[in-house]
Amino acid sequence: MKHNLALAAVFGVLAFAFRPPVATLAAEAAGAGGQSTPGATSPAAPAAGLSAEQKDAIEGLVRQFILDNPEVIVESMQNYQIRQHLAEQQAAATAVATHRDEIKNDPSAPVAGNTDGDVTVVEFFDYRCAYCKRAFPGVQELLKSDGNVRYVFKELPILGPDSVTASHAALAVWSLYPQKYFEFHSALMEAHGTLGEAQVLAIAKKVGLDPDKVKKAMAKPEIEATIQRNLALAQTLNIQGTPAFVVGDTLMPGAIDGDQLRELVAAARES
């Protein structure tokens, strides 16, 4: 109420400042023979230019209003952020709908869980991303507890050369030993320290794979092509970091725990 009264006072001054000059009104009346047509409205006269004194007065009122009511700045920013968030959500939903097949059905993307599951979860991730590692136990729990989820992995190496090396190795494992991909993926997610070529090949050997075959497959051009498609897709979806999840038709950026992931899956089933 206080804000409304103060704003009304400011707008009253503005209306007064922009009123047509008396001389203009008098001239209009004289031009019309001093008569007015009932029910008719005369065209508004152009607003007169503000004098320096009027401008100073208005600026002073606005400034004083803000000083007396600084919370309106916070409210304005909050409203702006809400509108921006809603606009981003709508844009994300549109982008997911437009690129649904590319997101969910790229034949080069590794898949775990039930390949015929009724809900598809897609994760964009980086093996060196601490938030991805933090979210991983929830992913494991989901795949263990829900036998009707199809899980798609989008390698998104954005955190340096080790990320690129690890992604090449993981996609090489997928191309050679698809049944061992999730085990290798899990080992990389649970690894600490650097993930250079020596480290990822040692992990490959540890999970029972031939490191020489993996190393050779890492250089295949189709693996780099897959990564470049993932990077382009992430940019199209305005994914600005890892992890990011697409559950059903909902894009959820940032790390989420197992409970949140299950809730998203449940919502996708109901939609």
Foldseek 3Di string as FASTA:
>chain_A
DVLVVLVVVLVVLVCVQFADDPVVVVVVCVVVVVDDDPPDDDDGDGGDDGDPVSVVVSVVSVVVSCVVPVVVVVVVVVVVVVVVVVVLQVLLLVLCVVCVCVQFPDPLWAKDADPQAPKEKEKEAFLPDPLCLVAVVLVVVCSVPDRRYIYTYQQAHDPDDQRLLLQLLLSLCCVVPSVCSVVLVVCSSPDDDGRDLVNSLVSCVVSPHDSVSSVVSSPDVVSVVSNVSSNVSCVSSVQDDDIWMQIQSGIRHTHDHNVVVVVSNVVNVVD
